Amino acid sequence: MIPANTVKNFGNVLKRHKRFLIFSHINPEPDTIGAALCLYHYLKNRGKKVSVYNEDGVPSFAKFMPHSDIIKAGVPRGNFDAIVCVDAGSTDMLGKYFERIKKGVIVNIDHHKTNTKYGNINIIDPCASATCELLYILFKRLDIVIDQTMADLLLTGIVYDTGSFKYRNTTYITLKVASELVKNGANLGYIEEKLYESLPIGKLKLLEMVLKTLELSLDGRIASIEITKDMYEATNTTKEDAEGLIDYPKSINGVDVAVLFREVDEGKYKVSLRSKNDIDVASIAEALGGGGHKNAAGCTVEGLLLDVKNKVFTKIVERLKY
């Protein structure tokens, strides 16, 4: 539960300030985008000046979301009274320009348990399935009316971060919030279709190549896959097409931890971790300089792929022995 005085302070920021900059995290997905655009919609309708920034822009699979065209990848200029950061566990996740741009009050709204509390106002709830769920609860406590556009944006973030309500982070509160958003006009069927039934053919070709790298370790308890830059080139895809691929090794019977090694640059890999049951992969990611949630986390590791895999697998095996 977020303390009442924190909610009140957030409400005062929304009321009193006029110029806002909203940050969403690098390599964005629908939860961070939905939260950012929901805030944009609400503030803009109240006559505020609002800019929404993301260093990587909007991935193609999220461009169906209302207002997605207003998110800018260029460094925003001007003065801001407040900066609101959504779904970012640390300032590193906000991109290389955050420290240069930050001005005024910093509001940090997030659901990662590894959040570093970098804001002047920190609204953190690791029990929330998504930042969009948390934002809905904040709006309700502030008696802010949720219109259809806001409902669509928030439900999209929740659907994505819960894997259509099948992940373990789905709670009765999540389902209650989702039902209220549908009651407020959110179109669940349309959201599901856009997220999961509008895939480019290149993503399926990438999946075919990626599944050929599948490896099982520790008597089938660990499953890993790899993505290289050459694969992107061969299938005419980008890093955004890697979204969701880790669910395939995770779905294997007997697998406790799934790992995706994605080549970012020569000698540099983005490592995504997913787990079942009570296995805490956030602690594994933290030990490697990253962070995240109990069942979904990530980090970046430098070195040759074989060395990177050894480092990651060593930490996973240590955790599985507990």
Protein backbone atom coordinates (compact mmCIF):
# COMPACT_ATOMS: atom_id res chain seq x y z
CA MET A 1 0.00 0.00 0.00
CA ILE A 2 1.35 3.39 -1.00
CA PRO A 3 1.31 5.83 1.97
CA ALA A 4 -1.46 8.44 1.87
CA ASN A 5 0.97 11.36 2.08
CA THR A 6 2.89 10.04 -0.96
CA VAL A 7 -0.32 9.84 -2.98
CA LYS A 8 -1.24 13.35 -1.84
CA ASN A 9 2.18 14.70 -2.85
CA PHE A 10 1.80 13.13 -6.29
CA GLY A 11 -1.63 14.67 -6.66
CA ASN A 12 -0.24 18.09 -5.74
CA VAL A 13 2.44 17.76 -8.42
CA LEU A 14 -0.22 17.01 -11.04
CA LYS A 15 -2.34 19.97 -9.93
CA ARG A 16 0.24 22.67 -9.26
CA HIS A 17 2.81 22.24 -12.00
CA LYS A 18 2.30 23.30 -15.61
CA ARG A 19 5.22 21.88 -17.61
CA PHE A 20 5.84 18.14 -17.53
CA LEU A 21 8.34 15.75 -19.08
CA ILE A 22 7.46 12.08 -18.96
CA PHE A 23 10.25 9.50 -19.26
CA SER A 24 9.70 5.87 -20.25
CA HIS A 25 12.46 3.28 -20.10
CA ILE A 26 14.81 2.28 -22.92
CA ASN A 27 13.79 -0.75 -25.00
CA PRO A 28 10.19 0.21 -24.23
CA GLU A 29 7.24 -2.15 -24.07
CA PRO A 30 3.51 -1.54 -23.57
CA ASP A 31 3.60 -1.12 -19.79
CA THR A 32 6.02 1.80 -19.77
CA ILE A 33 4.41 3.28 -22.91
CA GLY A 34 0.87 2.84 -21.57
CA ALA A 35 1.69 4.54 -18.28
CA ALA A 36 3.51 7.41 -19.99
CA LEU A 37 0.75 8.04 -22.52
CA CYS A 38 -2.00 7.75 -19.93
CA LEU A 39 -0.31 10.52 -17.91
CA TYR A 40 0.14 12.53 -21.09
CA HIS A 41 -3.55 12.21 -21.97
CA TYR A 42 -4.70 13.19 -18.49
CA LEU A 43 -2.36 16.18 -18.14
CA LYS A 44 -2.88 17.44 -21.70
CA ASN A 45 -6.65 17.45 -21.20
CA ARG A 46 -6.11 19.73 -18.21
CA GLY A 47 -4.21 22.30 -20.18
CA LYS A 48 -0.70 21.29 -19.14
CA LYS A 49 2.33 21.39 -21.39
CA VAL A 50 3.55 17.80 -21.69
CA SER A 51 6.44 16.15 -23.54
CA VAL A 52 6.96 12.38 -23.61
CA TYR A 53 10.49 11.12 -24.26
CA ASN A 54 11.95 7.73 -24.99
CA GLU A 55 15.51 7.30 -26.19
CA ASP A 56 14.53 4.35 -28.42
CA GLY A 57 11.21 5.66 -29.66
CA VAL A 58 8.15 3.42 -29.94
CA PRO A 59 8.48 -0.18 -31.19
CA SER A 60 6.26 -1.06 -34.12
CA PHE A 61 4.17 -3.55 -32.11
CA ALA A 62 3.08 -0.75 -29.76
CA LYS A 63 2.21 1.89 -32.35
CA PHE A 64 -1.47 0.98 -32.19
CA MET A 65 -1.64 2.55 -28.71
CA PRO A 66 -3.42 5.94 -28.55
CA HIS A 67 -1.08 8.97 -28.74
CA SER A 68 1.97 6.79 -29.52
CA ASP A 69 2.98 9.23 -32.25
CA ILE A 70 3.72 11.98 -29.73
CA ILE A 71 6.59 10.08 -28.08
CA LYS A 72 9.85 11.67 -29.17
CA ALA A 73 13.26 10.00 -29.43
CA GLY A 74 15.01 13.34 -29.79
CA VAL A 75 16.35 15.00 -26.65
CA PRO A 76 13.58 17.30 -25.36
CA ARG A 77 14.35 20.99 -24.95
CA GLY A 78 12.91 23.61 -22.64
CA ASN A 79 12.25 23.97 -18.95
CA PHE A 80 10.11 21.56 -16.96
CA ASP A 81 8.50 21.90 -13.55
CA ALA A 82 8.33 18.15 -13.04
CA ILE A 83 9.66 14.98 -14.59
CA VAL A 84 7.65 11.79 -14.18
CA CYS A 85 9.52 8.51 -14.76
CA VAL A 86 7.43 5.38 -15.29
CA ASP A 87 8.38 1.71 -15.05
CA ALA A 88 12.12 2.37 -14.67
CA GLY A 89 13.93 0.70 -11.80
CA SER A 90 16.99 2.94 -12.05
CA THR A 91 18.17 6.04 -13.90
CA ASP A 92 20.24 3.78 -16.19
CA MET A 93 16.97 2.53 -17.64
CA LEU A 94 15.97 6.07 -18.61
CA GLY A 95 18.74 6.46 -21.15
CA LYS A 96 21.95 8.39 -21.41
CA TYR A 97 20.39 11.87 -21.35
CA PHE A 98 18.38 11.69 -18.13
CA GLU A 99 21.06 13.21 -15.90
CA ARG A 100 21.51 16.09 -18.34
CA ILE A 101 17.80 16.78 -18.74
CA LYS A 102 16.45 16.29 -15.23
CA LYS A 103 14.97 19.44 -13.71
CA GLY A 104 12.35 20.24 -11.10
CA VAL A 105 10.56 17.59 -9.10
CA ILE A 106 11.35 13.98 -10.03
CA VAL A 107 8.47 11.52 -9.61
CA ASN A 108 9.38 7.84 -9.81
CA ILE A 109 6.45 5.45 -10.42
CA ASP A 110 7.40 1.80 -10.70
CA HIS A 111 6.66 -1.80 -9.73
CA HIS A 112 10.19 -3.29 -9.77
CA LYS A 113 11.34 -4.48 -6.35
CA THR A 114 14.91 -3.53 -7.27
CA ASN A 115 13.98 0.16 -7.80
CA THR A 116 16.73 2.48 -6.54
CA LYS A 117 14.28 5.20 -5.36
CA TYR A 118 15.94 7.96 -7.36
CA GLY A 119 13.00 10.39 -7.25
CA ASN A 120 11.97 13.19 -4.96
CA ILE A 121 8.67 11.32 -4.82
CA ASN A 122 8.99 7.54 -5.05
CA ILE A 123 5.83 5.53 -5.67
CA ILE A 124 6.97 1.91 -5.70
CA ASP A 125 4.78 -1.18 -5.34
CA PRO A 126 6.40 -4.53 -6.25
CA CYS A 127 3.06 -6.23 -5.63
CA ALA A 128 1.51 -4.48 -8.63
CA SER A 129 1.52 -6.61 -11.77
CA ALA A 130 2.39 -3.60 -13.91
CA THR A 131 3.13 0.09 -13.59
CA CYS A 132 -0.17 0.62 -15.42
CA GLU A 133 -1.97 -1.22 -12.60
CA LEU A 134 -0.22 0.97 -10.04
CA LEU A 135 -1.09 4.14 -11.95
CA TYR A 136 -4.75 3.13 -12.10
CA ILE A 137 -4.80 2.68 -8.32
CA LEU A 138 -3.13 6.09 -7.86
CA PHE A 139 -5.73 7.75 -10.08
CA LYS A 140 -8.57 6.07 -8.18
CA ARG A 141 -7.18 7.25 -4.84
CA LEU A 142 -6.96 10.77 -6.25
CA ASP A 143 -10.56 10.55 -7.55
CA ILE A 144 -9.36 11.01 -11.12
CA VAL A 145 -11.90 9.83 -13.69
CA ILE A 146 -10.60 7.22 -16.13
CA ASP A 147 -11.89 7.81 -19.65
CA GLN A 148 -11.87 5.26 -22.48
CA THR A 149 -8.47 6.30 -23.88
CA MET A 150 -6.84 6.05 -20.46
CA ALA A 151 -8.54 2.69 -19.90
CA ASP A 152 -7.22 1.30 -23.20
CA LEU A 153 -3.68 2.46 -22.44
CA LEU A 154 -3.64 1.08 -18.90
CA LEU A 155 -5.20 -2.26 -19.84
CA THR A 156 -2.69 -2.72 -22.67
CA GLY A 157 0.18 -2.37 -20.19
CA ILE A 158 -1.41 -4.81 -17.76
CA VAL A 159 -2.21 -7.40 -20.43
CA TYR A 160 1.38 -7.27 -21.68
CA ASP A 161 3.09 -7.46 -18.29
CA THR A 162 0.90 -10.33 -17.12
CA GLY A 163 1.14 -12.32 -20.35
CA SER A 164 -2.63 -12.00 -20.79
CA PHE A 165 -3.15 -12.70 -17.08
CA LYS A 166 -1.28 -16.03 -17.09
CA TYR A 167 1.90 -14.98 -15.25
CA ARG A 168 2.26 -15.40 -11.49
CA ASN A 169 2.23 -11.63 -10.97
CA THR A 170 -1.51 -11.67 -11.76
CA THR A 171 -3.45 -11.14 -8.52
CA TYR A 172 -7.10 -10.66 -7.64
CA ILE A 173 -6.37 -6.92 -7.59
CA THR A 174 -5.01 -7.17 -11.15
CA LEU A 175 -8.20 -8.88 -12.32
CA LYS A 176 -10.35 -6.37 -10.45
CA VAL A 177 -8.49 -3.44 -12.04
CA ALA A 178 -8.74 -5.05 -15.48
CA SER A 179 -12.49 -5.56 -15.11
CA GLU A 180 -12.94 -1.93 -14.06
CA LEU A 181 -10.93 -0.77 -17.07
CA VAL A 182 -13.13 -2.86 -19.38
CA LYS A 183 -16.18 -1.33 -17.66
CA ASN A 184 -14.68 2.09 -18.45
CA GLY A 185 -14.51 1.23 -22.14
CA ALA A 186 -11.21 -0.59 -22.68
CA ASN A 187 -11.43 -3.04 -25.60
CA LEU A 188 -9.72 -6.22 -24.38
CA GLY A 189 -10.28 -8.16 -27.62
CA TYR A 190 -8.72 -5.43 -29.74
CA ILE A 191 -5.72 -5.16 -27.40
CA GLU A 192 -5.13 -8.93 -27.49
CA GLU A 193 -5.36 -8.95 -31.28
CA LYS A 194 -2.88 -6.11 -31.69
CA LEU A 195 -0.39 -7.53 -29.20
CA TYR A 196 -0.49 -11.21 -30.12
CA GLU A 197 -2.16 -11.66 -33.51
CA SER A 198 -0.41 -9.02 -35.62
CA LEU A 199 3.09 -10.45 -35.87
CA PRO A 200 5.37 -9.59 -38.81
CA ILE A 201 6.53 -12.63 -40.81
CA GLY A 202 10.12 -11.75 -39.98
CA LYS A 203 9.51 -12.46 -36.30
CA LEU A 204 8.45 -16.02 -37.09
CA LYS A 205 11.58 -16.48 -39.22
CA LEU A 206 13.65 -15.13 -36.34
CA LEU A 207 11.92 -17.55 -33.97
CA GLU A 208 12.84 -20.44 -36.26
CA MET A 209 16.52 -19.48 -36.11
CA VAL A 210 16.47 -18.82 -32.38
CA LEU A 211 14.89 -22.17 -31.49
CA LYS A 212 17.78 -23.91 -33.21
CA THR A 213 20.05 -22.50 -30.48
CA LEU A 214 17.96 -24.03 -27.68
CA GLU A 215 20.04 -25.72 -24.98
CA LEU A 216 18.95 -27.54 -21.83
CA SER A 217 21.20 -27.65 -18.78
CA LEU A 218 21.16 -28.98 -15.22
CA ASP A 219 18.98 -31.99 -16.05
CA GLY A 220 16.56 -29.83 -17.99
CA ARG A 221 15.98 -27.22 -15.28
CA ILE A 222 17.64 -24.43 -17.28
CA ALA A 223 16.75 -23.63 -20.89
CA SER A 224 18.59 -21.03 -22.94
CA ILE A 225 18.38 -19.47 -26.38
CA GLU A 226 20.54 -16.96 -28.26
CA ILE A 227 19.98 -14.09 -30.67
CA THR A 228 22.81 -12.59 -32.70
CA LYS A 229 22.93 -9.47 -34.84
CA ASP A 230 23.42 -11.72 -37.86
CA MET A 231 20.02 -13.28 -37.17
CA TYR A 232 18.37 -9.85 -37.28
CA GLU A 233 20.03 -9.14 -40.60
CA ALA A 234 19.05 -12.50 -42.09
CA THR A 235 15.38 -12.10 -41.11
CA ASN A 236 15.08 -8.34 -41.58
CA THR A 237 14.13 -7.90 -37.93
CA THR A 238 15.26 -5.75 -34.99
CA LYS A 239 15.62 -6.12 -31.24
CA GLU A 240 11.93 -5.35 -30.77
CA ASP A 241 11.12 -8.63 -32.55
CA ALA A 242 12.89 -10.46 -29.72
CA GLU A 243 10.05 -9.52 -27.36
CA GLY A 244 8.30 -12.62 -26.02
CA LEU A 245 10.72 -15.18 -27.49
CA ILE A 246 11.96 -16.15 -24.05
CA ASP A 247 8.51 -17.56 -23.29
CA TYR A 248 9.25 -20.52 -25.58
CA PRO A 249 12.09 -22.06 -23.52
CA LYS A 250 10.23 -21.15 -20.35
CA SER A 251 7.22 -23.17 -21.53
CA ILE A 252 9.17 -26.46 -21.59
CA ASN A 253 8.08 -29.00 -19.00
CA GLY A 254 10.62 -29.26 -16.18
CA VAL A 255 12.34 -25.94 -16.91
CA ASP A 256 12.68 -23.69 -13.86
CA VAL A 257 14.72 -20.86 -15.39
CA ALA A 258 14.78 -19.63 -18.99
CA VAL A 259 17.56 -17.43 -20.34
CA LEU A 260 17.82 -15.35 -23.50
CA PHE A 261 21.25 -14.10 -24.56
CA ARG A 262 20.81 -11.23 -27.01
CA GLU A 263 23.87 -9.78 -28.72
CA VAL A 264 23.84 -6.00 -28.31
CA ASP A 265 27.32 -5.29 -29.63
CA GLU A 266 30.52 -7.22 -30.11
CA GLY A 267 31.38 -8.65 -26.71
CA LYS A 268 28.21 -7.32 -25.06
CA TYR A 269 25.01 -9.26 -24.32
CA LYS A 270 21.63 -8.38 -22.90
CA VAL A 271 20.56 -11.28 -20.69
CA SER A 272 16.85 -11.86 -19.99
CA LEU A 273 15.81 -14.21 -17.20
CA ARG A 274 12.42 -15.80 -16.55
CA SER A 275 11.48 -18.30 -13.87
CA LYS A 276 8.67 -20.45 -12.57
CA ASN A 277 7.47 -21.07 -9.03
CA ASP A 278 9.33 -19.21 -6.28
CA ILE A 279 12.72 -18.95 -7.98
CA ASP A 280 13.95 -15.36 -7.64
CA VAL A 281 15.77 -14.34 -10.83
CA ALA A 282 15.87 -10.68 -9.74
CA SER A 283 18.58 -11.60 -7.24
CA ILE A 284 20.52 -13.34 -10.03
CA ALA A 285 20.24 -10.26 -12.23
CA GLU A 286 21.28 -7.97 -9.35
CA ALA A 287 24.41 -10.06 -8.78
CA LEU A 288 25.29 -9.40 -12.42
CA GLY A 289 24.58 -5.66 -12.28
CA GLY A 290 20.93 -5.73 -13.35
CA GLY A 291 17.54 -6.05 -11.68
CA GLY A 292 13.86 -6.66 -12.22
CA HIS A 293 11.08 -8.77 -10.73
CA LYS A 294 11.11 -12.08 -8.90
CA ASN A 295 10.10 -14.06 -11.99
CA ALA A 296 11.31 -11.69 -14.72
CA ALA A 297 14.61 -9.83 -14.68
CA GLY A 298 17.58 -8.88 -16.80
CA CYS A 299 21.11 -7.57 -16.96
CA THR A 300 23.87 -6.72 -19.41
CA VAL A 301 27.08 -8.76 -19.35
CA GLU A 302 30.23 -8.10 -21.35
CA GLY A 303 32.63 -10.71 -22.71
CA LEU A 304 32.74 -13.58 -25.17
CA LEU A 305 29.44 -15.45 -25.34
CA LEU A 306 30.88 -18.60 -23.77
CA ASP A 307 32.21 -16.59 -20.82
CA VAL A 308 28.94 -14.69 -20.47
CA LYS A 309 26.98 -17.93 -20.41
CA ASN A 310 29.31 -19.41 -17.79
CA LYS A 311 28.87 -16.37 -15.54
CA VAL A 312 25.10 -16.45 -15.83
CA PHE A 313 24.72 -20.21 -15.47
CA THR A 314 26.96 -20.21 -12.39
CA LYS A 315 24.67 -17.70 -10.67
CA ILE A 316 21.56 -19.63 -11.70
CA VAL A 317 22.93 -22.94 -10.41
CA GLU A 318 23.80 -21.28 -7.10
CA ARG A 319 20.23 -20.04 -6.78
CA LEU A 320 18.68 -23.39 -7.74
CA LYS A 321 20.69 -25.16 -5.04
CA TYR A 322 18.99 -23.10 -2.28
